[in-house]
Amino acid sequence: MDLSVREVLARIITVPDMVRAFRDEHHCRRLLEAMVWPGGRICPACGYRRSIALTSRESGKRARPGLYQCSSGTCRFQFTVTTRTPLHATKLPLRTWLSGLWLMLQSDKGISSIRLAEALGVSQPTAWRMGHALRLMVGREHALDGVVEIDSLYVGGKPRRDPNYSPPGRGRKGEPKTLKTPALVAVQRPPDVSVGARSGEVRAAVIEDLSQSEADRVLTEAVEPSAHLMSDEWKAFVSLGSAFAAHDTVHHKAREYARGSVHINSAEGFNDRIRRTVSGVFHHISPHLADLYFNEIGFRWAQRVVTGQAPRRTRKGRQVTKTLWARVPPALQLPAVFRSAVGREMRRTKAGGIDLLSKVAVFG
């Protein structure tokens, strides 16, 4: 990214700073182009790296500002910085988009669509789709390596009771014990804890059940075979552990939660982050879109750097060393948000929902 752009983002600390930085459309468009195309313009249709800027209306022509045309003789595709991204064909000003994304990143656990709509002066459905645009852009596809902790969790609340309702799993073979939605979480430990080191990344996905086949499907996509796996004693994890370079387990049923460096405390901490975010901010997330919310929560988890070490004492008086973390400033997270924006499209459905046309970045 251009140094001047980084300097502009680094100066955004407060809301007045944000208002000044995103003051007009021309400035926002140049800022967005520098984040989406840090190495120069790329045609979103063919990936060609040469293009020309078409003349804008200010010069008496019909082309709109920020419109480019691919220089490839077989393509000649016309595009803007928002083409084939979640911002494709948006009617909102770019300053509204950048302000909304900054507000979402500024909140430690996110912001509800109602509060975002009030802050930006847009409708709640518009703010809701802006939130999903962020969640779509921050999704990452590459598998995790190093030391990876895995764990499962349930999302969702208790179903509404009716007079004829009978709790699941009471003496009926094959019935689930809960109607909540299961999910699988993989948390990468940071390679080192020196000052300035970044936190590890996270992958989380909704699964149909707690079976070995479902766990294998998620772990095959989320974790490299060369990784060192950490898990609890769940039999599906134990069975799949042989597919990785190393696998260690802790036995929670025997009240063993850590054995030296063998533990899944980071994964359990991320599970708690999901529960607190859902209960405190969103109140409810649908299983159909839960993976998008996991993208947002996991992205925030990874936007941290080590600031130092501090001695602490446990409840039993044992001396331990605790790693201190600080989050990356919200404005400096924006380049990471737009890094994989091209190729991820989102459209509004007739029913008022969203349709994800692509989940994988094509060029960049």
Protein backbone atom coordinates (compact mmCIF):
# COMPACT_ATOMS: atom_id res chain seq x y z
CA MET A 1 0.00 0.00 0.00
CA ASP A 2 1.16 3.53 -0.75
CA LEU A 3 2.85 5.18 2.22
CA SER A 4 0.72 8.31 1.92
CA VAL A 5 -2.43 6.20 2.16
CA ARG A 6 -1.12 4.47 5.27
CA GLU A 7 -0.33 7.86 6.79
CA VAL A 8 -3.89 9.03 6.08
CA LEU A 9 -5.35 5.92 7.74
CA ALA A 10 -2.98 6.13 10.71
CA ARG A 11 -4.31 9.60 11.52
CA ILE A 12 -7.89 8.33 11.88
CA ILE A 13 -8.35 7.85 15.62
CA THR A 14 -11.60 9.58 16.54
CA VAL A 15 -14.93 10.19 14.80
CA PRO A 16 -13.94 13.76 13.77
CA ASP A 17 -10.75 12.32 12.27
CA MET A 18 -12.85 9.84 10.31
CA VAL A 19 -15.17 12.57 9.04
CA ARG A 20 -12.19 14.63 7.81
CA ALA A 21 -10.51 11.64 6.15
CA PHE A 22 -13.66 10.59 4.27
CA ARG A 23 -14.69 14.14 3.43
CA ASP A 24 -15.59 13.84 -0.29
CA GLU A 25 -16.20 11.26 -3.00
CA HIS A 26 -13.06 11.95 -5.01
CA HIS A 27 -10.81 11.50 -1.98
CA CYS A 28 -12.66 8.33 -0.89
CA ARG A 29 -12.43 6.84 -4.37
CA ARG A 30 -8.66 7.39 -4.51
CA LEU A 31 -8.29 5.92 -1.03
CA LEU A 32 -10.38 2.88 -1.96
CA GLU A 33 -8.42 2.32 -5.18
CA ALA A 34 -5.16 2.31 -3.23
CA MET A 35 -6.53 -0.36 -0.87
CA VAL A 36 -8.20 -2.58 -3.48
CA TRP A 37 -5.30 -2.28 -5.96
CA PRO A 38 -2.14 -1.83 -3.84
CA GLY A 39 0.04 -2.98 -6.76
CA GLY A 40 -1.78 -1.07 -9.48
CA ARG A 41 -5.11 -1.46 -11.29
CA ILE A 42 -6.21 -4.99 -12.20
CA CYS A 43 -9.05 -5.81 -14.56
CA PRO A 44 -11.65 -7.76 -12.54
CA ALA A 45 -12.75 -9.65 -15.66
CA CYS A 46 -9.44 -11.03 -16.98
CA GLY A 47 -6.76 -9.99 -14.49
CA TYR A 48 -4.85 -7.86 -17.01
CA ARG A 49 -2.68 -5.25 -15.28
CA ARG A 50 -2.91 -2.44 -17.83
CA SER A 51 -5.90 -0.16 -18.26
CA ILE A 52 -6.78 3.39 -19.24
CA ALA A 53 -8.85 5.99 -17.41
CA LEU A 54 -11.88 7.16 -19.36
CA THR A 55 -12.61 10.88 -19.45
CA SER A 56 -15.04 12.05 -16.77
CA ARG A 57 -18.06 14.32 -17.05
CA GLU A 58 -15.98 17.22 -15.76
CA SER A 59 -14.33 17.29 -19.20
CA GLY A 60 -17.61 17.27 -21.07
CA LYS A 61 -17.72 13.53 -21.72
CA ARG A 62 -20.30 10.95 -20.66
CA ALA A 63 -17.99 8.66 -18.66
CA ARG A 64 -18.46 8.77 -14.90
CA PRO A 65 -15.53 9.48 -12.54
CA GLY A 66 -13.36 6.51 -11.67
CA LEU A 67 -14.24 4.49 -14.79
CA TYR A 68 -11.43 2.49 -16.43
CA GLN A 69 -11.15 0.24 -19.48
CA CYS A 70 -8.99 -2.85 -19.76
CA SER A 71 -6.19 -2.49 -22.33
CA SER A 72 -6.28 -6.16 -23.30
CA GLY A 73 -7.37 -6.47 -26.92
CA THR A 74 -9.57 -9.48 -26.16
CA CYS A 75 -11.24 -7.99 -23.07
CA ARG A 76 -11.80 -4.19 -23.19
CA PHE A 77 -13.91 -4.53 -20.04
CA GLN A 78 -14.98 -1.28 -18.38
CA PHE A 79 -14.81 -1.27 -14.59
CA THR A 80 -14.54 0.82 -11.43
CA VAL A 81 -12.98 0.10 -8.06
CA THR A 82 -16.25 -1.45 -6.82
CA THR A 83 -16.83 -3.74 -9.84
CA ARG A 84 -17.24 -7.41 -8.86
CA THR A 85 -16.86 -6.67 -5.16
CA PRO A 86 -19.55 -6.62 -2.44
CA LEU A 87 -19.88 -2.89 -3.26
CA HIS A 88 -20.78 -3.65 -6.90
CA ALA A 89 -23.48 -1.35 -8.36
CA THR A 90 -23.97 0.37 -5.00
CA LYS A 91 -26.05 3.52 -4.87
CA LEU A 92 -24.52 4.63 -1.58
CA PRO A 93 -21.71 7.20 -1.61
CA LEU A 94 -18.26 5.75 -1.01
CA ARG A 95 -17.84 7.98 2.03
CA THR A 96 -20.87 6.25 3.56
CA TRP A 97 -19.32 2.86 2.90
CA LEU A 98 -15.94 3.77 4.37
CA SER A 99 -17.54 5.48 7.38
CA GLY A 100 -19.76 2.45 8.01
CA LEU A 101 -16.87 -0.01 7.74
CA TRP A 102 -14.80 2.11 10.13
CA LEU A 103 -17.65 2.17 12.66
CA MET A 104 -18.03 -1.63 12.44
CA LEU A 105 -14.30 -2.14 12.97
CA GLN A 106 -14.19 0.44 15.75
CA SER A 107 -16.54 -1.63 17.91
CA ASP A 108 -14.75 -4.46 19.72
CA LYS A 109 -17.60 -6.92 19.15
CA GLY A 110 -19.30 -5.34 16.18
CA ILE A 111 -22.33 -3.10 15.87
CA SER A 112 -25.93 -4.01 15.20
CA SER A 113 -27.60 -2.95 11.96
CA ILE A 114 -30.04 -0.74 13.89
CA ARG A 115 -27.25 1.27 15.58
CA LEU A 116 -25.30 1.46 12.30
CA ALA A 117 -28.37 2.74 10.44
CA GLU A 118 -28.85 5.48 13.03
CA ALA A 119 -25.19 6.55 12.79
CA LEU A 120 -25.10 6.68 8.97
CA GLY A 121 -28.63 7.89 8.26
CA VAL A 122 -29.56 4.88 6.14
CA SER A 123 -32.29 2.27 6.50
CA GLN A 124 -31.85 -0.82 8.68
CA PRO A 125 -31.94 -3.26 5.71
CA THR A 126 -29.21 -1.20 4.02
CA ALA A 127 -27.06 -1.26 7.17
CA TRP A 128 -27.69 -5.01 7.48
CA ARG A 129 -26.36 -5.61 3.96
CA MET A 130 -23.37 -3.34 4.64
CA GLY A 131 -22.51 -5.55 7.59
CA HIS A 132 -22.66 -8.67 5.44
CA ALA A 133 -20.47 -7.00 2.82
CA LEU A 134 -17.78 -6.58 5.49
CA ARG A 135 -18.21 -10.19 6.64
CA LEU A 136 -17.90 -11.45 3.08
CA MET A 137 -14.72 -9.48 2.38
CA VAL A 138 -12.88 -10.54 5.56
CA GLY A 139 -13.39 -14.27 4.92
CA ARG A 140 -10.13 -16.13 4.31
CA GLU A 141 -9.73 -19.40 2.40
CA HIS A 142 -6.11 -20.47 2.98
CA ALA A 143 -5.57 -23.29 5.45
CA LEU A 144 -3.92 -22.80 8.85
CA ASP A 145 -0.54 -24.26 9.74
CA GLY A 146 1.71 -24.40 12.79
CA VAL A 147 -0.01 -25.24 16.07
CA VAL A 148 -3.79 -25.27 15.59
CA GLU A 149 -6.36 -25.74 18.35
CA ILE A 150 -9.77 -27.15 17.43
CA ASP A 151 -12.99 -27.27 19.40
CA SER A 152 -16.76 -27.41 18.86
CA LEU A 153 -19.53 -25.17 20.10
CA TYR A 154 -23.27 -24.65 19.79
CA VAL A 155 -24.94 -21.42 18.68
CA GLY A 156 -28.58 -20.53 19.10
CA GLY A 157 -31.04 -20.37 21.96
CA LYS A 158 -33.70 -22.59 23.42
CA PRO A 159 -36.70 -23.25 21.15
CA ARG A 160 -40.07 -21.84 22.06
CA ARG A 161 -42.06 -24.35 24.09
CA ASP A 162 -45.55 -25.49 23.22
CA PRO A 163 -47.91 -27.78 25.19
CA ASN A 164 -47.02 -30.82 23.07
CA TYR A 165 -43.25 -30.16 23.03
CA SER A 166 -40.99 -32.90 24.33
CA PRO A 167 -37.24 -32.25 24.85
CA PRO A 168 -35.03 -33.99 22.27
CA GLY A 169 -32.77 -36.88 23.14
CA ARG A 170 -34.80 -38.34 25.99
CA GLY A 171 -34.84 -42.07 25.34
CA ARG A 172 -35.42 -41.80 21.58
CA LYS A 173 -32.64 -43.44 19.57
CA GLY A 174 -31.08 -41.24 16.92
CA GLU A 175 -32.61 -37.99 18.20
CA PRO A 176 -30.18 -35.10 18.88
CA LYS A 177 -29.72 -33.90 22.44
CA THR A 178 -30.20 -30.27 21.46
CA LEU A 179 -31.78 -28.23 18.68
CA LYS A 180 -28.95 -25.68 18.68
CA THR A 181 -26.65 -25.36 15.67
CA PRO A 182 -23.22 -27.04 16.03
CA ALA A 183 -20.07 -25.39 14.71
CA LEU A 184 -16.39 -26.29 14.49
CA VAL A 185 -13.61 -23.82 15.35
CA ALA A 186 -9.89 -23.91 14.47
CA VAL A 187 -7.60 -21.32 16.09
CA GLN A 188 -3.98 -20.87 15.01
CA ARG A 189 -1.52 -20.08 17.76
CA PRO A 190 0.84 -17.18 17.01
CA PRO A 191 4.26 -18.44 15.85
CA ASP A 192 5.98 -16.29 18.48
CA VAL A 193 5.03 -13.83 21.23
CA SER A 194 7.72 -11.21 20.69
CA VAL A 195 6.68 -7.56 20.75
CA GLY A 196 4.93 -6.67 17.49
CA ALA A 197 4.04 -10.25 16.55
CA ARG A 198 0.59 -10.76 15.06
CA SER A 199 -2.08 -13.05 16.44
CA GLY A 200 -2.93 -16.31 14.70
CA GLU A 201 -5.92 -16.58 12.38
CA VAL A 202 -9.21 -18.39 12.96
CA ARG A 203 -11.51 -20.57 10.89
CA ALA A 204 -15.04 -21.50 11.97
CA ALA A 205 -17.88 -23.18 10.12
CA VAL A 206 -21.36 -24.51 10.81
CA ILE A 207 -21.62 -28.31 10.66
CA GLU A 208 -24.65 -30.56 10.37
CA ASP A 209 -23.74 -32.71 13.38
CA LEU A 210 -20.81 -33.76 15.54
CA SER A 211 -19.86 -36.67 13.32
CA GLN A 212 -16.41 -37.64 12.09
CA SER A 213 -17.35 -37.02 8.46
CA GLU A 214 -18.42 -33.43 9.17
CA ALA A 215 -15.29 -32.74 11.21
CA ASP A 216 -13.16 -34.20 8.42
CA ARG A 217 -14.89 -31.99 5.83
CA VAL A 218 -14.14 -28.79 7.77
CA LEU A 219 -10.61 -29.68 8.89
CA THR A 220 -9.57 -30.72 5.38
CA GLU A 221 -10.32 -27.19 4.15
CA ALA A 222 -9.23 -25.26 7.26
CA VAL A 223 -6.03 -26.96 8.47
CA GLU A 224 -2.87 -28.02 6.64
CA PRO A 225 -1.78 -31.67 7.04
CA SER A 226 1.59 -30.38 8.31
CA ALA A 227 -0.06 -28.68 11.30
CA HIS A 228 0.29 -29.74 14.93
CA LEU A 229 -3.26 -30.35 16.12
CA MET A 230 -4.51 -29.73 19.67
CA SER A 231 -7.95 -30.96 20.75
CA ASP A 232 -9.97 -32.48 23.54
CA GLU A 233 -10.85 -36.17 23.82
CA TRP A 234 -13.81 -36.06 21.43
CA LYS A 235 -13.58 -39.34 19.49
CA ALA A 236 -13.97 -37.69 16.08
CA PHE A 237 -10.91 -35.50 16.78
CA VAL A 238 -8.93 -38.48 18.05
CA SER A 239 -9.74 -40.44 14.89
CA LEU A 240 -8.78 -37.59 12.57
CA GLY A 241 -5.60 -36.67 14.45
CA SER A 242 -3.53 -39.25 12.57
CA ALA A 243 -4.02 -37.28 9.34
CA PHE A 244 -1.85 -34.43 10.69
CA ALA A 245 1.85 -34.16 11.50
CA ALA A 246 1.19 -34.35 15.25
CA HIS A 247 -1.83 -34.49 17.52
CA ASP A 248 -2.10 -33.94 21.27
CA THR A 249 -5.22 -34.06 23.41
CA VAL A 250 -6.34 -32.92 26.84
CA HIS A 251 -8.94 -34.90 28.78
CA HIS A 252 -11.59 -32.54 30.07
CA LYS A 253 -13.64 -35.35 31.58
CA ALA A 254 -10.68 -36.09 33.86
CA ARG A 255 -10.47 -32.36 34.74
CA GLU A 256 -7.29 -31.95 32.72
CA TYR A 257 -7.34 -28.56 31.00
CA ALA A 258 -3.65 -28.00 30.29
CA ARG A 259 -0.57 -30.18 30.21
CA GLY A 260 2.34 -27.85 29.59
CA SER A 261 1.83 -26.40 26.12
CA VAL A 262 -0.94 -28.89 25.35
CA HIS A 263 -4.30 -27.12 25.72
CA ILE A 264 -7.17 -25.66 23.71
CA ASN A 265 -7.64 -22.54 25.81
CA SER A 266 -7.35 -20.26 22.76
CA ALA A 267 -10.12 -22.13 20.95
CA GLU A 268 -12.34 -22.03 24.03
CA GLY A 269 -11.61 -18.31 24.38
CA PHE A 270 -12.71 -17.75 20.78
CA ASN A 271 -15.88 -19.76 21.46
CA ASP A 272 -16.64 -17.43 24.37
CA ARG A 273 -16.03 -14.45 22.07
CA ILE A 274 -18.66 -15.81 19.69
CA ARG A 275 -21.20 -16.33 22.48
CA ARG A 276 -20.64 -12.86 23.94
CA THR A 277 -20.82 -11.19 20.53
CA VAL A 278 -24.05 -12.94 19.57
CA SER A 279 -25.78 -12.43 22.92
CA GLY A 280 -24.58 -8.86 23.44
CA VAL A 281 -24.74 -7.35 19.94
CA PHE A 282 -26.68 -9.40 17.41
CA HIS A 283 -28.90 -11.36 19.87
CA HIS A 284 -29.58 -13.95 17.17
CA ILE A 285 -27.84 -15.20 14.03
CA SER A 286 -29.39 -17.56 11.52
CA PRO A 287 -27.56 -20.86 10.81
CA HIS A 288 -27.68 -19.99 7.10
CA LEU A 289 -25.52 -16.86 7.59
CA ALA A 290 -23.59 -17.93 10.71
CA ASP A 291 -20.38 -18.51 8.73
CA LEU A 292 -20.38 -14.84 7.70
CA TYR A 293 -20.62 -13.76 11.33
CA PHE A 294 -17.78 -16.16 12.16
CA ASN A 295 -15.70 -14.40 9.47
CA GLU A 296 -16.19 -11.05 11.17
CA ILE A 297 -15.47 -12.33 14.68
CA GLY A 298 -12.43 -14.27 13.48
CA PHE A 299 -11.08 -11.25 11.60
CA ARG A 300 -11.25 -9.13 14.76
CA TRP A 301 -9.50 -11.91 16.69
CA ALA A 302 -6.58 -11.81 14.24
CA GLN A 303 -6.23 -8.00 14.28
CA ARG A 304 -4.05 -7.95 17.39
CA VAL A 305 -0.33 -7.50 18.07
CA VAL A 306 1.80 -8.43 21.07
CA THR A 307 2.76 -5.46 23.24
CA GLY A 308 4.77 -7.27 25.90
CA GLN A 309 4.82 -9.80 28.73
CA ALA A 310 3.70 -9.36 32.33
CA PRO A 311 4.03 -11.63 35.41
CA ARG A 312 0.77 -12.79 36.93
CA ARG A 313 -0.34 -15.15 39.67
CA THR A 314 -3.03 -17.76 39.32
CA ARG A 315 -5.74 -18.36 41.89
CA LYS A 316 -3.55 -21.02 43.46
CA GLY A 317 -0.63 -18.60 43.73
CA ARG A 318 1.44 -20.03 40.87
CA GLN A 319 3.62 -17.53 38.99
CA VAL A 320 2.85 -17.32 35.25
CA THR A 321 3.79 -15.01 32.40
CA LYS A 322 0.89 -13.42 30.56
CA THR A 323 1.10 -12.10 27.01
CA LEU A 324 -0.31 -8.59 26.57
CA TRP A 325 -2.15 -7.73 23.36
CA ALA A 326 -3.33 -4.55 21.65
CA ARG A 327 -5.61 -4.39 18.63
CA VAL A 328 -4.62 -2.88 15.31
CA PRO A 329 -6.24 0.59 14.90
CA PRO A 330 -9.56 0.22 13.02
CA ALA A 331 -8.53 2.44 10.10
CA LEU A 332 -5.37 0.37 9.53
CA GLN A 333 -7.55 -2.75 9.31
CA LEU A 334 -9.27 -1.42 6.19
CA PRO A 335 -6.49 -2.51 3.75
CA ALA A 336 -6.82 -6.08 5.08
CA VAL A 337 -10.59 -5.86 4.59
CA PHE A 338 -10.29 -4.89 0.91
CA ARG A 339 -7.34 -7.20 0.17
CA SER A 340 -9.64 -9.97 -1.10
CA ALA A 341 -12.64 -7.89 -2.17
CA VAL A 342 -12.39 -8.53 -5.92
CA GLY A 343 -14.30 -11.64 -6.94
CA ARG A 344 -16.66 -11.63 -3.95
CA GLU A 345 -20.04 -10.42 -5.13
CA MET A 346 -23.24 -9.97 -3.20
CA ARG A 347 -26.69 -9.28 -4.63
CA ARG A 348 -30.01 -8.40 -3.08
CA THR A 349 -32.73 -11.01 -3.50
CA LYS A 350 -36.39 -10.29 -4.25
CA ALA A 351 -37.28 -11.35 -0.70
CA GLY A 352 -34.95 -8.70 0.75
CA GLY A 353 -32.08 -11.04 1.67
CA ILE A 354 -28.67 -11.47 0.09
CA ASP A 355 -27.27 -13.90 -2.45
CA LEU A 356 -23.53 -14.64 -2.44
CA LEU A 357 -22.43 -15.05 -6.05
CA SER A 358 -18.79 -15.79 -5.27
CA LYS A 359 -16.83 -16.57 -2.14
CA VAL A 360 -13.32 -16.78 -3.59
CA ALA A 361 -11.12 -13.87 -4.64
CA VAL A 362 -10.21 -14.25 -8.31
CA PHE A 363 -7.42 -11.71 -8.84
CA GLY A 364 -5.18 -9.78 -6.50
